[in-house]
Amino acid sequence: MAERTPGKLLVIACGALAKEIMWLRDINHWHSLELVCLDAELHNTPDAIPQRLHDLIAKHHPHYDQIFIGYGDCGTGGHIDKVLAHWNLERLPGAHCYAFYATESVFNNLADTEPGTFYLTDFLARHFDRLVIRGLKLDSHPQLRDTFFGHYTRVLYLAQRDNPALLSAAQRAADFLDLRFDTITTGMGALGTSLEHQVLKLQRRDEASCAAH
């Protein structure tokens, strides 16, 4: 029988959330939380995410009493939820990171108010050059910028933390795209509250197990 890791919560997450999850773990002293990530660039091929998640869950499931999935739907059309139903696991709420950072109600209002919005998070502001400029080959084919972004009206930076360097990076991204720039500080939103819920759930499980013995 595979040996389980007692008193540990495994979070299997998108690599785009790794820095934020580790920051939350450290400032909250969630010593029970362990993290495994899939490559954030899988978002370029979202159809591949569910199978990769399934394989990673299958690998770690025998060793942990509690696993939580650090993904939204992320463009998979409900297929992540089908994987999680098979394993009876929970994930972050909402369709994507913009929704769970801003909260779904706030994001939906933002999207309805100005549909032509290109969103940035701390991760995307940090990696805009790699993921957008070089990822879409806008460095070698600058004419593609208006093809891809011609219908956008603004860049909205959803900031997780007050970081002047990232704010400047987000502004540069908007300048590159020649779009109006706005910013909102969301904090960690439902990422923080969901992880806290999972840690507390693990603590209650451990307390119940100790009481039973």
N, C-alpha and C. Protein backbone atom coordinates (compact mmCIF):
# COMPACT_ATOMS: atom_id res chain seq x y z
N MET A 1 0.85 -1.19 0.00
CA MET A 1 0.00 0.00 0.00
C MET A 1 0.88 1.25 0.00
N ALA A 2 0.52 2.24 -0.80
CA ALA A 2 1.30 3.47 -0.87
C ALA A 2 1.22 4.21 0.46
N GLU A 3 2.35 4.78 0.86
CA GLU A 3 2.41 5.52 2.13
C GLU A 3 1.82 6.91 1.94
N ARG A 4 0.89 7.27 2.81
CA ARG A 4 0.29 8.59 2.75
C ARG A 4 1.10 9.59 3.58
N THR A 5 1.00 10.87 3.19
CA THR A 5 1.65 11.94 3.93
C THR A 5 0.64 12.52 4.91
N PRO A 6 0.78 12.22 6.22
CA PRO A 6 -0.22 12.68 7.18
C PRO A 6 -0.13 14.18 7.40
N GLY A 7 -1.32 14.80 7.61
CA GLY A 7 -1.36 16.20 7.97
C GLY A 7 -0.86 17.14 6.90
N LYS A 8 -0.95 16.74 5.64
CA LYS A 8 -0.48 17.57 4.55
C LYS A 8 -1.58 17.81 3.52
N LEU A 9 -1.63 19.04 3.04
CA LEU A 9 -2.54 19.43 1.97
C LEU A 9 -1.71 19.64 0.70
N LEU A 10 -2.02 18.91 -0.35
CA LEU A 10 -1.34 19.10 -1.63
C LEU A 10 -2.20 19.98 -2.52
N VAL A 11 -1.63 21.07 -2.99
CA VAL A 11 -2.28 21.94 -3.97
C VAL A 11 -1.62 21.68 -5.31
N ILE A 12 -2.42 21.26 -6.28
CA ILE A 12 -1.95 21.09 -7.66
C ILE A 12 -2.47 22.28 -8.44
N ALA A 13 -1.57 23.13 -8.92
CA ALA A 13 -1.99 24.43 -9.43
C ALA A 13 -1.32 24.77 -10.75
N CYS A 14 -1.88 25.78 -11.39
CA CYS A 14 -1.26 26.39 -12.56
C CYS A 14 0.00 27.11 -12.11
N GLY A 15 1.06 27.00 -12.89
CA GLY A 15 2.31 27.68 -12.55
C GLY A 15 2.17 29.18 -12.43
N ALA A 16 1.14 29.76 -13.05
CA ALA A 16 0.92 31.20 -12.95
C ALA A 16 0.55 31.62 -11.53
N LEU A 17 0.16 30.67 -10.68
CA LEU A 17 -0.24 30.98 -9.31
C LEU A 17 0.84 30.62 -8.30
N ALA A 18 1.94 30.06 -8.74
CA ALA A 18 2.93 29.51 -7.82
C ALA A 18 3.46 30.55 -6.85
N LYS A 19 3.88 31.69 -7.35
CA LYS A 19 4.48 32.72 -6.49
C LYS A 19 3.47 33.21 -5.46
N GLU A 20 2.21 33.41 -5.88
CA GLU A 20 1.18 33.90 -4.97
C GLU A 20 0.82 32.85 -3.91
N ILE A 21 0.74 31.59 -4.32
CA ILE A 21 0.41 30.54 -3.36
C ILE A 21 1.52 30.39 -2.32
N MET A 22 2.76 30.44 -2.77
CA MET A 22 3.87 30.32 -1.82
C MET A 22 3.93 31.52 -0.88
N TRP A 23 3.60 32.69 -1.40
CA TRP A 23 3.56 33.89 -0.55
C TRP A 23 2.49 33.75 0.51
N LEU A 24 1.30 33.28 0.12
CA LEU A 24 0.22 33.08 1.07
C LEU A 24 0.60 32.02 2.11
N ARG A 25 1.24 30.97 1.66
CA ARG A 25 1.67 29.92 2.59
C ARG A 25 2.64 30.48 3.64
N ASP A 26 3.59 31.27 3.16
CA ASP A 26 4.63 31.75 4.07
C ASP A 26 4.09 32.77 5.07
N ILE A 27 3.28 33.74 4.60
CA ILE A 27 2.83 34.78 5.54
C ILE A 27 1.79 34.24 6.52
N ASN A 28 1.09 33.17 6.12
CA ASN A 28 0.08 32.59 7.00
C ASN A 28 0.60 31.39 7.79
N HIS A 29 1.85 31.02 7.55
CA HIS A 29 2.46 29.88 8.25
C HIS A 29 1.65 28.60 8.04
N TRP A 30 1.24 28.40 6.78
CA TRP A 30 0.50 27.18 6.45
C TRP A 30 1.52 26.08 6.15
N HIS A 31 2.13 25.55 7.21
CA HIS A 31 3.20 24.58 7.03
C HIS A 31 2.70 23.26 6.47
N SER A 32 1.39 23.04 6.54
CA SER A 32 0.82 21.79 6.03
C SER A 32 0.65 21.79 4.52
N LEU A 33 0.82 22.96 3.88
CA LEU A 33 0.52 23.09 2.45
C LEU A 33 1.75 22.77 1.61
N GLU A 34 1.60 21.86 0.68
CA GLU A 34 2.63 21.56 -0.31
C GLU A 34 2.08 21.87 -1.70
N LEU A 35 2.97 22.21 -2.63
CA LEU A 35 2.54 22.71 -3.94
C LEU A 35 3.24 21.96 -5.06
N VAL A 36 2.45 21.58 -6.05
CA VAL A 36 2.96 21.03 -7.31
C VAL A 36 2.28 21.80 -8.43
N CYS A 37 3.03 22.20 -9.45
CA CYS A 37 2.46 23.04 -10.51
C CYS A 37 2.62 22.42 -11.89
N LEU A 38 1.65 22.71 -12.73
CA LEU A 38 1.77 22.47 -14.16
C LEU A 38 2.23 23.77 -14.83
N ASP A 39 2.85 23.64 -15.98
CA ASP A 39 3.39 24.79 -16.70
C ASP A 39 2.28 25.77 -17.06
N ALA A 40 2.49 27.05 -16.73
CA ALA A 40 1.49 28.07 -17.03
C ALA A 40 1.24 28.19 -18.53
N GLU A 41 2.21 27.83 -19.35
CA GLU A 41 2.04 27.96 -20.80
C GLU A 41 1.06 26.95 -21.38
N LEU A 42 0.59 26.01 -20.55
CA LEU A 42 -0.49 25.12 -21.00
C LEU A 42 -1.75 25.90 -21.36
N HIS A 43 -1.85 27.15 -20.87
CA HIS A 43 -3.02 27.95 -21.22
C HIS A 43 -3.06 28.25 -22.72
N ASN A 44 -1.95 28.10 -23.40
CA ASN A 44 -1.96 28.26 -24.86
C ASN A 44 -2.61 27.07 -25.55
N THR A 45 -2.68 25.93 -24.84
CA THR A 45 -3.33 24.72 -25.36
C THR A 45 -4.23 24.15 -24.26
N PRO A 46 -5.32 24.84 -23.92
CA PRO A 46 -6.13 24.44 -22.75
C PRO A 46 -6.72 23.05 -22.85
N ASP A 47 -6.88 22.53 -24.06
CA ASP A 47 -7.42 21.17 -24.19
C ASP A 47 -6.51 20.13 -23.55
N ALA A 48 -5.24 20.49 -23.37
CA ALA A 48 -4.29 19.54 -22.77
C ALA A 48 -4.32 19.55 -21.26
N ILE A 49 -4.92 20.58 -20.66
CA ILE A 49 -4.86 20.72 -19.20
C ILE A 49 -5.57 19.58 -18.47
N PRO A 50 -6.80 19.18 -18.84
CA PRO A 50 -7.49 18.16 -18.06
C PRO A 50 -6.72 16.85 -17.95
N GLN A 51 -6.17 16.36 -19.04
CA GLN A 51 -5.44 15.09 -18.98
C GLN A 51 -4.18 15.22 -18.14
N ARG A 52 -3.49 16.36 -18.26
CA ARG A 52 -2.29 16.56 -17.46
C ARG A 52 -2.65 16.61 -15.97
N LEU A 53 -3.77 17.25 -15.65
CA LEU A 53 -4.24 17.28 -14.27
C LEU A 53 -4.58 15.88 -13.78
N HIS A 54 -5.29 15.14 -14.60
CA HIS A 54 -5.67 13.77 -14.24
C HIS A 54 -4.44 12.94 -13.92
N ASP A 55 -3.43 13.04 -14.77
CA ASP A 55 -2.21 12.25 -14.56
C ASP A 55 -1.50 12.64 -13.27
N LEU A 56 -1.47 13.94 -12.98
CA LEU A 56 -0.79 14.41 -11.77
C LEU A 56 -1.57 14.02 -10.51
N ILE A 57 -2.89 14.11 -10.59
CA ILE A 57 -3.72 13.68 -9.46
C ILE A 57 -3.52 12.19 -9.21
N ALA A 58 -3.52 11.39 -10.27
CA ALA A 58 -3.34 9.95 -10.13
C ALA A 58 -2.00 9.62 -9.48
N LYS A 59 -0.98 10.40 -9.82
CA LYS A 59 0.35 10.17 -9.25
C LYS A 59 0.38 10.45 -7.76
N HIS A 60 -0.29 11.53 -7.33
CA HIS A 60 -0.18 11.95 -5.94
C HIS A 60 -1.33 11.49 -5.04
N HIS A 61 -2.42 11.10 -5.64
CA HIS A 61 -3.61 10.76 -4.85
C HIS A 61 -3.36 9.69 -3.79
N PRO A 62 -2.58 8.66 -4.06
CA PRO A 62 -2.37 7.64 -3.03
C PRO A 62 -1.61 8.14 -1.81
N HIS A 63 -0.96 9.30 -1.93
CA HIS A 63 -0.05 9.75 -0.88
C HIS A 63 -0.62 10.87 -0.01
N TYR A 64 -1.78 11.41 -0.37
CA TYR A 64 -2.33 12.55 0.36
C TYR A 64 -3.80 12.31 0.69
N ASP A 65 -4.17 12.69 1.91
CA ASP A 65 -5.57 12.61 2.30
C ASP A 65 -6.39 13.76 1.73
N GLN A 66 -5.72 14.86 1.39
CA GLN A 66 -6.44 16.04 0.89
C GLN A 66 -5.66 16.70 -0.24
N ILE A 67 -6.34 16.87 -1.37
CA ILE A 67 -5.76 17.53 -2.55
C ILE A 67 -6.74 18.62 -3.00
N PHE A 68 -6.20 19.76 -3.35
CA PHE A 68 -7.01 20.88 -3.85
C PHE A 68 -6.41 21.33 -5.17
N ILE A 69 -7.28 21.74 -6.11
CA ILE A 69 -6.82 22.09 -7.46
C ILE A 69 -6.83 23.61 -7.65
N GLY A 70 -5.67 24.16 -7.93
CA GLY A 70 -5.52 25.59 -8.13
C GLY A 70 -5.70 25.99 -9.59
N TYR A 71 -6.88 25.74 -10.11
CA TYR A 71 -7.29 26.14 -11.46
C TYR A 71 -8.72 26.64 -11.40
N GLY A 72 -9.07 27.55 -12.31
CA GLY A 72 -10.47 27.79 -12.63
C GLY A 72 -10.84 26.81 -13.73
N ASP A 73 -11.84 27.15 -14.52
CA ASP A 73 -12.13 26.31 -15.70
C ASP A 73 -11.04 26.50 -16.75
N CYS A 74 -10.54 27.72 -16.87
CA CYS A 74 -9.36 28.01 -17.70
C CYS A 74 -9.51 27.60 -19.16
N GLY A 75 -10.70 27.83 -19.70
CA GLY A 75 -10.90 27.61 -21.13
C GLY A 75 -11.05 26.16 -21.54
N THR A 76 -11.31 25.27 -20.58
CA THR A 76 -11.41 23.85 -20.91
C THR A 76 -12.85 23.39 -21.15
N GLY A 77 -13.79 24.31 -21.10
CA GLY A 77 -15.18 23.97 -21.39
C GLY A 77 -15.78 22.94 -20.45
N GLY A 78 -15.40 23.02 -19.17
CA GLY A 78 -15.97 22.10 -18.18
C GLY A 78 -15.21 20.80 -18.02
N HIS A 79 -14.17 20.57 -18.79
CA HIS A 79 -13.46 19.28 -18.73
C HIS A 79 -12.61 19.14 -17.48
N ILE A 80 -12.11 20.25 -16.92
CA ILE A 80 -11.44 20.14 -15.62
C ILE A 80 -12.42 19.63 -14.57
N ASP A 81 -13.65 20.14 -14.60
CA ASP A 81 -14.64 19.71 -13.61
C ASP A 81 -14.97 18.23 -13.76
N LYS A 82 -14.93 17.71 -14.97
CA LYS A 82 -15.16 16.27 -15.16
C LYS A 82 -14.05 15.44 -14.52
N VAL A 83 -12.82 15.92 -14.66
CA VAL A 83 -11.70 15.23 -14.00
C VAL A 83 -11.87 15.27 -12.49
N LEU A 84 -12.23 16.43 -11.97
CA LEU A 84 -12.34 16.58 -10.52
C LEU A 84 -13.52 15.78 -9.96
N ALA A 85 -14.58 15.65 -10.75
CA ALA A 85 -15.71 14.82 -10.31
C ALA A 85 -15.28 13.37 -10.17
N HIS A 86 -14.42 12.90 -11.06
CA HIS A 86 -13.90 11.53 -10.99
C HIS A 86 -13.14 11.29 -9.69
N TRP A 87 -12.37 12.30 -9.27
CA TRP A 87 -11.55 12.16 -8.07
C TRP A 87 -12.21 12.76 -6.82
N ASN A 88 -13.39 13.36 -6.98
CA ASN A 88 -14.09 14.00 -5.87
C ASN A 88 -13.23 15.08 -5.22
N LEU A 89 -12.71 15.98 -6.06
CA LEU A 89 -11.86 17.06 -5.59
C LEU A 89 -12.49 18.41 -5.88
N GLU A 90 -12.02 19.44 -5.17
CA GLU A 90 -12.50 20.80 -5.36
C GLU A 90 -11.45 21.64 -6.07
N ARG A 91 -11.90 22.74 -6.67
CA ARG A 91 -10.98 23.68 -7.33
C ARG A 91 -11.35 25.10 -6.94
N LEU A 92 -10.55 26.06 -7.45
CA LEU A 92 -10.85 27.46 -7.25
C LEU A 92 -12.16 27.83 -7.96
N PRO A 93 -12.90 28.80 -7.45
CA PRO A 93 -14.18 29.16 -8.08
C PRO A 93 -13.98 30.00 -9.33
N GLY A 94 -14.91 29.86 -10.27
CA GLY A 94 -14.92 30.75 -11.43
C GLY A 94 -14.24 30.17 -12.66
N ALA A 95 -14.27 30.99 -13.70
CA ALA A 95 -13.80 30.55 -15.00
C ALA A 95 -12.29 30.68 -15.17
N HIS A 96 -11.67 31.63 -14.46
CA HIS A 96 -10.26 31.92 -14.69
C HIS A 96 -9.72 32.75 -13.53
N CYS A 97 -8.41 33.05 -13.60
CA CYS A 97 -7.77 33.75 -12.48
C CYS A 97 -8.30 35.17 -12.32
N TYR A 98 -8.72 35.81 -13.40
CA TYR A 98 -9.26 37.17 -13.27
C TYR A 98 -10.50 37.15 -12.38
N ALA A 99 -11.32 36.12 -12.54
CA ALA A 99 -12.56 36.03 -11.77
C ALA A 99 -12.29 35.70 -10.31
N PHE A 100 -11.37 34.77 -10.03
CA PHE A 100 -11.19 34.45 -8.62
C PHE A 100 -10.31 35.45 -7.89
N TYR A 101 -9.50 36.23 -8.61
CA TYR A 101 -8.79 37.33 -7.95
C TYR A 101 -9.76 38.49 -7.66
N ALA A 102 -10.51 38.91 -8.66
CA ALA A 102 -11.41 40.05 -8.48
C ALA A 102 -12.70 39.68 -7.76
N THR A 103 -13.00 38.39 -7.68
CA THR A 103 -14.26 37.75 -7.30
C THR A 103 -15.19 37.79 -8.52
N GLU A 104 -16.01 36.77 -8.62
CA GLU A 104 -16.83 36.60 -9.83
C GLU A 104 -17.77 37.77 -10.07
N SER A 105 -18.41 38.26 -9.01
CA SER A 105 -19.39 39.34 -9.20
C SER A 105 -18.71 40.61 -9.70
N VAL A 106 -17.55 40.93 -9.13
CA VAL A 106 -16.82 42.13 -9.55
C VAL A 106 -16.32 41.96 -10.98
N PHE A 107 -15.76 40.79 -11.28
CA PHE A 107 -15.25 40.58 -12.64
C PHE A 107 -16.38 40.66 -13.67
N ASN A 108 -17.51 40.03 -13.37
CA ASN A 108 -18.62 40.05 -14.32
C ASN A 108 -19.08 41.48 -14.58
N ASN A 109 -19.09 42.29 -13.55
CA ASN A 109 -19.47 43.70 -13.72
C ASN A 109 -18.45 44.43 -14.58
N LEU A 110 -17.16 44.17 -14.34
CA LEU A 110 -16.11 44.79 -15.15
C LEU A 110 -16.25 44.38 -16.62
N ALA A 111 -16.49 43.11 -16.84
CA ALA A 111 -16.59 42.60 -18.21
C ALA A 111 -17.82 43.17 -18.93
N ASP A 112 -18.92 43.31 -18.20
CA ASP A 112 -20.13 43.88 -18.80
C ASP A 112 -19.97 45.36 -19.09
N THR A 113 -19.25 46.06 -18.21
CA THR A 113 -19.09 47.51 -18.37
C THR A 113 -18.21 47.85 -19.57
N GLU A 114 -17.13 47.09 -19.75
CA GLU A 114 -16.24 47.35 -20.88
C GLU A 114 -15.73 46.02 -21.44
N PRO A 115 -16.49 45.44 -22.37
CA PRO A 115 -16.13 44.11 -22.89
C PRO A 115 -14.75 44.07 -23.55
N GLY A 116 -14.31 45.16 -24.14
CA GLY A 116 -13.05 45.15 -24.86
C GLY A 116 -11.86 45.39 -23.96
N THR A 117 -11.76 44.59 -22.89
CA THR A 117 -10.70 44.76 -21.91
C THR A 117 -9.71 43.61 -21.98
N PHE A 118 -8.43 43.95 -22.00
CA PHE A 118 -7.37 42.95 -21.90
C PHE A 118 -6.86 43.00 -20.46
N TYR A 119 -6.94 41.86 -19.77
CA TYR A 119 -6.63 41.83 -18.34
C TYR A 119 -5.20 41.36 -18.09
N LEU A 120 -4.60 41.96 -17.08
CA LEU A 120 -3.31 41.52 -16.58
C LEU A 120 -3.42 41.20 -15.10
N THR A 121 -2.72 40.17 -14.68
CA THR A 121 -2.50 39.88 -13.26
C THR A 121 -1.03 40.17 -12.96
N ASP A 122 -0.62 39.98 -11.71
CA ASP A 122 0.80 40.15 -11.39
C ASP A 122 1.66 39.24 -12.26
N PHE A 123 1.23 37.99 -12.42
CA PHE A 123 1.99 37.04 -13.23
C PHE A 123 2.10 37.52 -14.68
N LEU A 124 1.00 37.96 -15.25
CA LEU A 124 1.03 38.37 -16.66
C LEU A 124 1.79 39.68 -16.85
N ALA A 125 1.71 40.56 -15.88
CA ALA A 125 2.51 41.79 -15.96
C ALA A 125 4.00 41.45 -15.91
N ARG A 126 4.34 40.48 -15.07
CA ARG A 126 5.73 40.07 -14.90
C ARG A 126 6.27 39.40 -16.15
N HIS A 127 5.41 38.67 -16.85
CA HIS A 127 5.88 37.86 -17.99
C HIS A 127 5.27 38.30 -19.32
N PHE A 128 4.83 39.55 -19.41
CA PHE A 128 4.17 40.04 -20.62
C PHE A 128 5.06 39.90 -21.85
N ASP A 129 6.32 40.26 -21.73
CA ASP A 129 7.22 40.17 -22.88
C ASP A 129 7.31 38.75 -23.41
N ARG A 130 7.49 37.79 -22.49
CA ARG A 130 7.66 36.39 -22.90
C ARG A 130 6.36 35.79 -23.44
N LEU A 131 5.26 36.01 -22.72
CA LEU A 131 4.02 35.32 -23.07
C LEU A 131 3.24 36.01 -24.19
N VAL A 132 3.30 37.34 -24.24
CA VAL A 132 2.50 38.06 -25.23
C VAL A 132 3.37 38.53 -26.40
N ILE A 133 4.38 39.31 -26.11
CA ILE A 133 5.17 39.87 -27.22
C ILE A 133 5.89 38.77 -27.98
N ARG A 134 6.69 37.97 -27.27
CA ARG A 134 7.40 36.90 -27.97
C ARG A 134 6.48 35.70 -28.25
N GLY A 135 5.53 35.45 -27.32
CA GLY A 135 4.62 34.31 -27.51
C GLY A 135 3.76 34.44 -28.75
N LEU A 136 3.34 35.67 -29.05
CA LEU A 136 2.52 35.92 -30.24
C LEU A 136 3.36 36.42 -31.42
N LYS A 137 4.69 36.41 -31.23
CA LYS A 137 5.64 36.82 -32.28
C LYS A 137 5.45 38.28 -32.71
N LEU A 138 5.03 39.10 -31.74
CA LEU A 138 4.85 40.52 -32.04
C LEU A 138 6.19 41.25 -32.15
N ASP A 139 7.25 40.63 -31.63
CA ASP A 139 8.57 41.23 -31.77
C ASP A 139 9.08 41.13 -33.20
N SER A 140 8.78 40.01 -33.86
CA SER A 140 9.24 39.82 -35.24
C SER A 140 8.19 40.20 -36.28
N HIS A 141 6.92 40.25 -35.85
CA HIS A 141 5.82 40.61 -36.77
C HIS A 141 4.94 41.67 -36.10
N PRO A 142 5.44 42.88 -35.93
CA PRO A 142 4.71 43.91 -35.18
C PRO A 142 3.35 44.25 -35.77
N GLN A 143 3.16 43.98 -37.06
CA GLN A 143 1.88 44.29 -37.69
C GLN A 143 0.75 43.43 -37.11
N LEU A 144 1.12 42.32 -36.46
CA LEU A 144 0.10 41.45 -35.88
C LEU A 144 -0.54 42.05 -34.63
N ARG A 145 0.10 43.07 -34.05
CA ARG A 145 -0.45 43.67 -32.84
C ARG A 145 -1.88 44.15 -33.06
N ASP A 146 -2.10 44.89 -34.14
CA ASP A 146 -3.43 45.43 -34.39
C ASP A 146 -4.40 44.33 -34.83
N THR A 147 -3.87 43.26 -35.42
CA THR A 147 -4.73 42.13 -35.78
C THR A 147 -5.27 41.46 -34.53
N PHE A 148 -4.40 41.25 -33.56
CA PHE A 148 -4.81 40.56 -32.33
C PHE A 148 -5.58 41.47 -31.36
N PHE A 149 -5.19 42.75 -31.31
CA PHE A 149 -5.70 43.62 -30.26
C PHE A 149 -6.50 44.81 -30.77
N GLY A 150 -6.84 44.80 -32.05
CA GLY A 150 -7.52 45.95 -32.64
C GLY A 150 -8.89 46.23 -32.07
N HIS A 151 -9.52 45.21 -31.48
CA HIS A 151 -10.87 45.41 -30.94
C HIS A 151 -10.87 45.66 -29.43
N TYR A 152 -9.70 45.71 -28.84
CA TYR A 152 -9.61 46.02 -27.41
C TYR A 152 -9.61 47.53 -27.20
N THR A 153 -10.10 47.96 -26.05
CA THR A 153 -10.16 49.39 -25.74
C THR A 153 -9.27 49.78 -24.56
N ARG A 154 -8.91 48.81 -23.72
CA ARG A 154 -8.08 49.15 -22.57
C ARG A 154 -7.36 47.92 -22.05
N VAL A 155 -6.32 48.17 -21.25
CA VAL A 155 -5.67 47.16 -20.42
C VAL A 155 -6.07 47.44 -18.98
N LEU A 156 -6.56 46.42 -18.28
CA LEU A 156 -6.91 46.55 -16.87
C LEU A 156 -6.01 45.62 -16.07
N TYR A 157 -5.18 46.21 -15.23
CA TYR A 157 -4.27 45.46 -14.39
C TYR A 157 -4.93 45.16 -13.05
N LEU A 158 -5.20 43.87 -12.80
CA LEU A 158 -5.75 43.42 -11.53
C LEU A 158 -4.57 43.06 -10.65
N ALA A 159 -4.19 43.98 -9.77
CA ALA A 159 -2.98 43.82 -8.98
C ALA A 159 -3.24 43.00 -7.72
N GLN A 160 -2.40 41.98 -7.50
CA GLN A 160 -2.54 41.20 -6.29
C GLN A 160 -1.87 41.88 -5.09
N ARG A 161 -0.76 42.57 -5.37
CA ARG A 161 -0.05 43.27 -4.30
C ARG A 161 0.41 44.64 -4.80
N ASP A 162 0.70 45.52 -3.86
CA ASP A 162 1.18 46.85 -4.19
C ASP A 162 2.67 46.74 -4.54
N ASN A 163 2.97 46.73 -5.84
CA ASN A 163 4.34 46.52 -6.31
C ASN A 163 4.62 47.53 -7.42
N PRO A 164 5.36 48.59 -7.13
CA PRO A 164 5.62 49.63 -8.14
C PRO A 164 6.25 49.10 -9.41
N ALA A 165 7.13 48.09 -9.29
CA ALA A 165 7.79 47.55 -10.48
C ALA A 165 6.78 46.86 -11.39
N LEU A 166 5.84 46.12 -10.80
CA LEU A 166 4.83 45.45 -11.61
C LEU A 166 3.82 46.45 -12.18
N LEU A 167 3.52 47.49 -11.42
CA LEU A 167 2.65 48.54 -11.94
C LEU A 167 3.28 49.19 -13.17
N SER A 168 4.57 49.45 -13.12
CA SER A 168 5.27 50.02 -14.28
C SER A 168 5.28 49.04 -15.45
N ALA A 169 5.46 47.76 -15.15
CA ALA A 169 5.45 46.75 -16.22
C ALA A 169 4.08 46.68 -16.88
N ALA A 170 3.02 46.77 -16.09
CA ALA A 170 1.67 46.74 -16.64
C ALA A 170 1.41 47.98 -17.51
N GLN A 171 1.89 49.13 -17.06
CA GLN A 171 1.74 50.35 -17.85
C GLN A 171 2.50 50.22 -19.18
N ARG A 172 3.69 49.63 -19.15
CA ARG A 172 4.45 49.43 -20.39
C ARG A 172 3.71 48.49 -21.33
N ALA A 173 3.05 47.49 -20.78
CA ALA A 173 2.26 46.58 -21.61
C ALA A 173 1.13 47.33 -22.32
N ALA A 174 0.44 48.20 -21.58
CA ALA A 174 -0.63 48.99 -22.18
C ALA A 174 -0.07 49.92 -23.25
N ASP A 175 1.09 50.52 -22.97
CA ASP A 175 1.71 51.41 -23.96
C ASP A 175 2.07 50.63 -25.22
N PHE A 176 2.60 49.43 -25.03
CA PHE A 176 2.97 48.61 -26.18
C PHE A 176 1.76 48.29 -27.04
N LEU A 177 0.63 48.01 -26.38
CA LEU A 177 -0.60 47.67 -27.11
C LEU A 177 -1.35 48.90 -27.57
N ASP A 178 -0.87 50.09 -27.15
CA ASP A 178 -1.50 51.36 -27.49
C ASP A 178 -2.95 51.40 -27.02
N LEU A 179 -3.13 51.00 -25.75
CA LEU A 179 -4.46 50.96 -25.14
C LEU A 179 -4.47 51.77 -23.86
N ARG A 180 -5.65 52.26 -23.49
CA ARG A 180 -5.83 52.97 -22.22
C ARG A 180 -5.49 52.03 -21.07
N PHE A 181 -4.96 52.58 -20.01
CA PHE A 181 -4.52 51.77 -18.88
C PHE A 181 -5.30 52.11 -17.63
N ASP A 182 -5.85 51.07 -16.99
CA ASP A 182 -6.50 51.21 -15.69
C ASP A 182 -5.96 50.12 -14.77
N THR A 183 -6.08 50.35 -13.49
CA THR A 183 -5.64 49.33 -12.53
C THR A 183 -6.58 49.27 -11.33
N ILE A 184 -6.74 48.07 -10.80
CA ILE A 184 -7.52 47.82 -9.59
C ILE A 184 -6.70 46.87 -8.71
N THR A 185 -6.60 47.17 -7.43
CA THR A 185 -5.93 46.25 -6.51
C THR A 185 -6.95 45.27 -5.96
N THR A 186 -6.81 44.02 -6.33
CA THR A 186 -7.76 42.98 -5.91
C THR A 186 -7.32 42.25 -4.65
N GLY A 187 -6.02 42.30 -4.35
CA GLY A 187 -5.51 41.38 -3.34
C GLY A 187 -5.55 39.96 -3.90
N MET A 188 -5.55 38.99 -3.01
CA MET A 188 -5.53 37.59 -3.45
C MET A 188 -6.93 37.02 -3.69
N GLY A 189 -7.96 37.79 -3.36
CA GLY A 189 -9.32 37.39 -3.66
C GLY A 189 -9.65 35.99 -3.18
N ALA A 190 -10.35 35.25 -4.03
CA ALA A 190 -10.79 33.90 -3.67
C ALA A 190 -9.65 32.89 -3.64
N LEU A 191 -8.49 33.25 -4.19
CA LEU A 191 -7.33 32.36 -4.04
C LEU A 191 -6.98 32.25 -2.56
N GLY A 192 -6.90 33.39 -1.88
CA GLY A 192 -6.58 33.37 -0.46
C GLY A 192 -7.64 32.70 0.39
N THR A 193 -8.90 33.05 0.17
CA THR A 193 -9.97 32.50 1.00
C THR A 193 -10.15 31.00 0.74
N SER A 194 -9.98 30.57 -0.50
CA SER A 194 -10.13 29.15 -0.81
C SER A 194 -9.03 28.32 -0.17
N LEU A 195 -7.79 28.81 -0.23
CA LEU A 195 -6.69 28.08 0.39
C LEU A 195 -6.86 28.03 1.91
N GLU A 196 -7.29 29.15 2.49
CA GLU A 196 -7.53 29.16 3.94
C GLU A 196 -8.58 28.13 4.32
N HIS A 197 -9.65 28.05 3.51
CA HIS A 197 -10.70 27.06 3.77
C HIS A 197 -10.14 25.65 3.73
N GLN A 198 -9.26 25.38 2.77
CA GLN A 198 -8.68 24.04 2.65
C GLN A 198 -7.77 23.71 3.83
N VAL A 199 -6.98 24.68 4.28
CA VAL A 199 -6.10 24.46 5.43
C VAL A 199 -6.92 24.18 6.68
N LEU A 200 -7.98 24.95 6.89
CA LEU A 200 -8.84 24.73 8.05
C LEU A 200 -9.56 23.39 7.97
N LYS A 201 -9.94 23.01 6.76
CA LYS A 201 -10.60 21.71 6.55
C LYS A 201 -9.65 20.58 6.94
N LEU A 202 -8.37 20.71 6.56
CA LEU A 202 -7.37 19.71 6.93
C LEU A 202 -7.19 19.66 8.44
N GLN A 203 -7.15 20.83 9.09
CA GLN A 203 -6.98 20.86 10.54
C GLN A 203 -8.14 20.16 11.24
N ARG A 204 -9.36 20.39 10.75
CA ARG A 204 -10.53 19.74 11.35
C ARG A 204 -10.46 18.22 11.14
N ARG A 205 -9.99 17.81 9.97
CA ARG A 205 -9.85 16.38 9.68
C ARG A 205 -8.85 15.75 10.67
N ASP A 206 -7.71 16.44 10.88
CA ASP A 206 -6.71 15.91 11.77
C ASP A 206 -7.19 15.86 13.21
N GLU A 207 -7.93 16.92 13.64
CA GLU A 207 -8.47 16.94 15.00
C GLU A 207 -9.48 15.82 15.21
N ALA A 208 -10.30 15.58 14.19
CA ALA A 208 -11.29 14.50 14.30
C ALA A 208 -10.59 13.14 14.37
N SER A 209 -9.51 13.00 13.61
CA SER A 209 -8.78 11.74 13.60
C SER A 209 -8.12 11.50 14.96
N CYS A 210 -7.57 12.56 15.54
CA CYS A 210 -6.93 12.43 16.86
C CYS A 210 -7.97 12.09 17.92
N ALA A 211 -9.13 12.73 17.84
CA ALA A 211 -10.20 12.47 18.82
C ALA A 211 -10.69 11.02 18.75
N ALA A 212 -10.70 10.49 17.51
CA ALA A 212 -11.19 9.13 17.33
C ALA A 212 -10.23 8.09 17.94
N HIS A 213 -8.98 8.50 18.09
CA HIS A 213 -7.99 7.59 18.66
C HIS A 213 -7.73 7.89 20.13
